[in-house]
Structure formats: C-alpha cells, structure tokens
Amino acid sequence: MFHMRTKDKLGQRGEALAAGYLEGAGMRIIDRNWRCPVGEIDLVAVDGSTLVVVEVKTRSSVDYGHPLEAITPGKLERLYLLASKWARAHDLRFSGFRVDAVAIIDDGVSEPVIDHLRAVS
C-alpha cells in the first residue's frame, strides 16, 4: 500500500490553498503539476492576458527560513524557461508571462498564512 509522506501531503495541501487563493484574487488556474524534462511547474494561471507560472513553497514553520528563501536565482531562471516551454507545448500566445511565488506556512493547527509575491525577478 502506498503511503504519502507528510512532506508531500503538506505540499499538496499548499498547492490547493495557493490555487484557491489565486482564484479568489481573480486569476484562472489552467494547469497543475506540469512536467517536462527541464522540471515542473506547480501551477499555471492566467491573469488577464498574462501567463503566470506559480511556484508554491509550503512549510509547517519558519524554523528553517521563510519558504520564499527556497527560490534561488537558478530556480527562478528555470521557471522562466519552463513558462516558455509550457506555452509552446500548449500552442498558446499571451501578451506576456511572469513568475509568481506563493509561500504558505501551515502548521496544521492555525489558519495558514499565505504570501503572494507577484513578478518575482
């Protein structure tokens, strides 16, 4: 029998919370967990005519740093590459694209804290 690790459950819950938060902010989620040889995109959204690739980082605490600290320059570069690969793979055109990050701190007891950083660069 397959048992999901606690970390994986936390990540899935974080992605679901992030998707709900972004939809509440007026964005439309059009893909989740898209993979290609270069890597994975957690969420793909549309904000007006802009394609948005969303990196979701979920932690149960800030004991080891804020979740956004995990987004390194190399990771960010890969996310921009993934955005263009996703658009080509789906043959879609947008006026532009950006990378957003959503950090979630969810200790499983209190209300989760959600930080949305638009246009990470």
Protein backbone atom coordinates (compact mmCIF):
# COMPACT_ATOMS: atom_id res chain seq x y z
CA MET A 1 0.00 0.00 0.00
CA PHE A 2 1.23 3.45 -0.91
CA HIS A 3 1.54 5.98 1.90
CA MET A 4 2.20 9.59 1.08
CA ARG A 5 4.96 11.24 3.09
CA THR A 6 3.91 14.07 5.40
CA LYS A 7 6.02 16.50 3.35
CA ASP A 8 4.18 15.50 0.15
CA LYS A 9 0.79 15.93 1.84
CA LEU A 10 1.86 19.36 3.09
CA GLY A 11 2.96 20.31 -0.44
CA GLN A 12 -0.31 19.14 -2.00
CA ARG A 13 -2.33 21.00 0.62
CA GLY A 14 -0.21 24.09 -0.01
CA GLU A 15 -0.81 23.91 -3.76
CA ALA A 16 -4.56 23.56 -3.21
CA LEU A 17 -4.54 26.54 -0.82
CA ALA A 18 -2.48 28.59 -3.29
CA ALA A 19 -4.83 27.74 -6.19
CA GLY A 20 -7.86 28.79 -4.15
CA TYR A 21 -6.14 31.98 -3.04
CA LEU A 22 -5.15 32.93 -6.60
CA GLU A 23 -8.62 32.16 -7.96
CA GLY A 24 -10.04 34.38 -5.21
CA ALA A 25 -7.69 37.12 -6.46
CA GLY A 26 -9.20 36.84 -9.95
CA MET A 27 -6.68 34.55 -11.64
CA ARG A 28 -7.69 31.42 -13.55
CA ILE A 29 -5.78 28.20 -12.83
CA ILE A 30 -5.33 26.32 -16.11
CA ASP A 31 -2.77 23.63 -15.21
CA ARG A 32 -1.23 21.95 -12.18
CA ASN A 33 1.98 19.98 -11.71
CA TRP A 34 3.03 20.19 -15.37
CA ARG A 35 6.27 18.34 -16.04
CA CYS A 36 8.82 18.27 -18.82
CA PRO A 37 12.50 17.21 -18.91
CA VAL A 38 13.58 20.63 -17.59
CA GLY A 39 11.43 20.49 -14.46
CA GLU A 40 7.95 21.01 -13.03
CA ILE A 41 5.55 23.92 -12.74
CA ASP A 42 3.36 23.80 -9.63
CA LEU A 43 0.55 25.96 -11.02
CA VAL A 44 -0.10 27.68 -14.33
CA ALA A 45 -2.55 30.57 -14.23
CA VAL A 46 -3.88 33.31 -16.45
CA ASP A 47 -4.12 36.86 -15.11
CA GLY A 48 -5.87 38.97 -17.74
CA SER A 49 -3.79 38.28 -20.87
CA THR A 50 -0.66 37.28 -18.92
CA LEU A 51 0.52 33.72 -18.46
CA VAL A 52 1.61 33.21 -14.86
CA VAL A 53 3.84 30.37 -13.73
CA VAL A 54 3.42 29.93 -9.98
CA GLU A 55 5.97 28.35 -7.68
CA VAL A 56 4.36 27.22 -4.43
CA LYS A 57 6.51 26.76 -1.34
CA THR A 58 4.83 25.33 1.75
CA ARG A 59 6.40 24.92 5.17
CA SER A 60 4.96 23.93 8.52
CA SER A 61 7.04 26.65 10.24
CA VAL A 62 9.76 29.20 9.57
CA ASP A 63 12.26 27.29 11.73
CA TYR A 64 14.44 26.71 8.67
CA GLY A 65 13.75 30.06 7.00
CA HIS A 66 10.86 31.61 5.12
CA PRO A 67 9.53 29.48 2.25
CA LEU A 68 10.38 32.19 -0.32
CA GLU A 69 14.07 31.86 0.59
CA ALA A 70 13.99 28.49 -1.23
CA ILE A 71 13.53 30.26 -4.59
CA THR A 72 17.10 30.71 -5.77
CA PRO A 73 18.25 32.63 -8.86
CA GLY A 74 18.83 29.28 -10.60
CA LYS A 75 15.32 28.08 -9.74
CA LEU A 76 13.86 31.36 -11.00
CA GLU A 77 15.77 31.07 -14.29
CA ARG A 78 14.41 27.53 -14.73
CA LEU A 79 10.84 28.74 -14.02
CA TYR A 80 11.10 31.35 -16.81
CA LEU A 81 12.38 28.63 -19.16
CA LEU A 82 9.52 26.34 -18.08
CA ALA A 83 6.98 29.12 -18.76
CA SER A 84 8.11 29.41 -22.37
CA LYS A 85 8.17 25.61 -22.76
CA TRP A 86 4.63 25.33 -21.34
CA ALA A 87 3.31 27.99 -23.74
CA ARG A 88 4.97 26.29 -26.73
CA ALA A 89 3.73 22.83 -25.68
CA HIS A 90 0.16 24.16 -25.49
CA ASP A 91 0.48 26.36 -28.59
CA LEU A 92 -0.89 29.36 -26.74
CA ARG A 93 0.05 33.02 -27.05
CA PHE A 94 -0.07 35.56 -24.27
CA SER A 95 0.80 39.25 -24.16
CA GLY A 96 3.47 38.32 -21.63
CA PHE A 97 4.35 35.98 -18.86
CA ARG A 98 5.61 36.30 -15.35
CA VAL A 99 6.65 34.13 -12.45
CA ASP A 100 4.79 34.48 -9.16
CA ALA A 101 5.62 32.78 -5.89
CA VAL A 102 3.18 31.77 -3.20
CA ALA A 103 4.57 30.99 0.23
CA ILE A 104 2.39 29.14 2.69
CA ILE A 105 3.10 28.50 6.34
CA ASP A 106 0.72 25.82 7.56
CA ASP A 107 1.34 24.24 10.94
CA GLY A 108 -1.85 22.19 10.72
CA VAL A 109 -3.32 23.97 13.74
CA SER A 110 -3.64 27.68 12.99
CA GLU A 111 -5.09 29.29 9.89
CA PRO A 112 -2.46 29.01 7.12
CA VAL A 113 -0.51 32.19 6.34
CA ILE A 114 -0.34 32.89 2.60
CA ASP A 115 2.10 35.34 0.97
CA HIS A 116 1.76 36.03 -2.76
CA LEU A 117 4.73 37.63 -4.47
CA ARG A 118 3.94 38.84 -7.99
CA ALA A 119 6.54 39.05 -10.77
CA VAL A 120 9.49 37.54 -8.95
CA SER A 121 12.74 38.64 -10.60
